[in-house]
């Protein structure tokens, strides 16, 4: 992963940054649909130092949350009522708001895109926004949340959405599973379990950003102070190895050291609030 960061941060690349920007990639967290927007609300209220953006087709849901920027997409498609669990409606709504989406992430070199797979808006718009950010020259870190295995229909839709998201970002992706979440929180209420999920994702975002800042500072120092060829510095293992956080969740605890780098793990944050309309 460090090699990828270095490549994308190299000023000679098409999506390159100025040397002065290497050590401070400004981050934005984009929440898609009801679930992603609900997480953005949590992050905004908690305070993270990152810009937050909520994108949804459900006007009432969007108005109920806090974010630095909120974008209702497809008012003439979804009529502000959400996508009703239909990804094609969510996608059609977002396709009419490409310019507004690009404006909401413009100038950010690191983009976290958070969405639940299985519903309408999150399933289709999360991969779309991730692709737009990637095409715009940003490093993209998608966070996908998967429904319970018992939700057979939603699982089928979710797997299709996840496949699309992996096409955009094959390695740098965090996948969270409701099933594993409940296993890791025995006896806890559903709301307490998803509060744990909020904390886990928030920590992942904070530590991932910190790791990238550290890596880019090392790169910029090397460029400025060591122009002559030199051995490539050893890459921390956590930046190279995909960390199976699912296994750690099964054990009931996720050590901080295992949440530092972007890596696959599987949850569906629509389930934060059973009363939240599927978007």
Foldseek 3Di string as FASTA:
>chain_A
DLVVLCQLQPCVDPLHDDLVCLLPFAEEEEAKELQRQVLQQVCVVVDDNHAYEYEFCAQVSQVVGDGNYYYHFQCVQSVNHGPAQAQVSLQVRVVVCLVVLCVVCPPGQEYEYEAEQQGHNRLNVSLVSLQSCVVNSHHYAYEYAYEAVVVPNSNVRRVVSVVSNCVSPVWRYEAAYPVLLCLLPDPDDLLVSVVVVSVLVSLLVNLQSVVSSVSSVVVSCCVVPPVDDDDDDDDPVQAPDAQAVSVVSNVNDRDSVRSRHRHYYHRHSCSSPVVRRGD
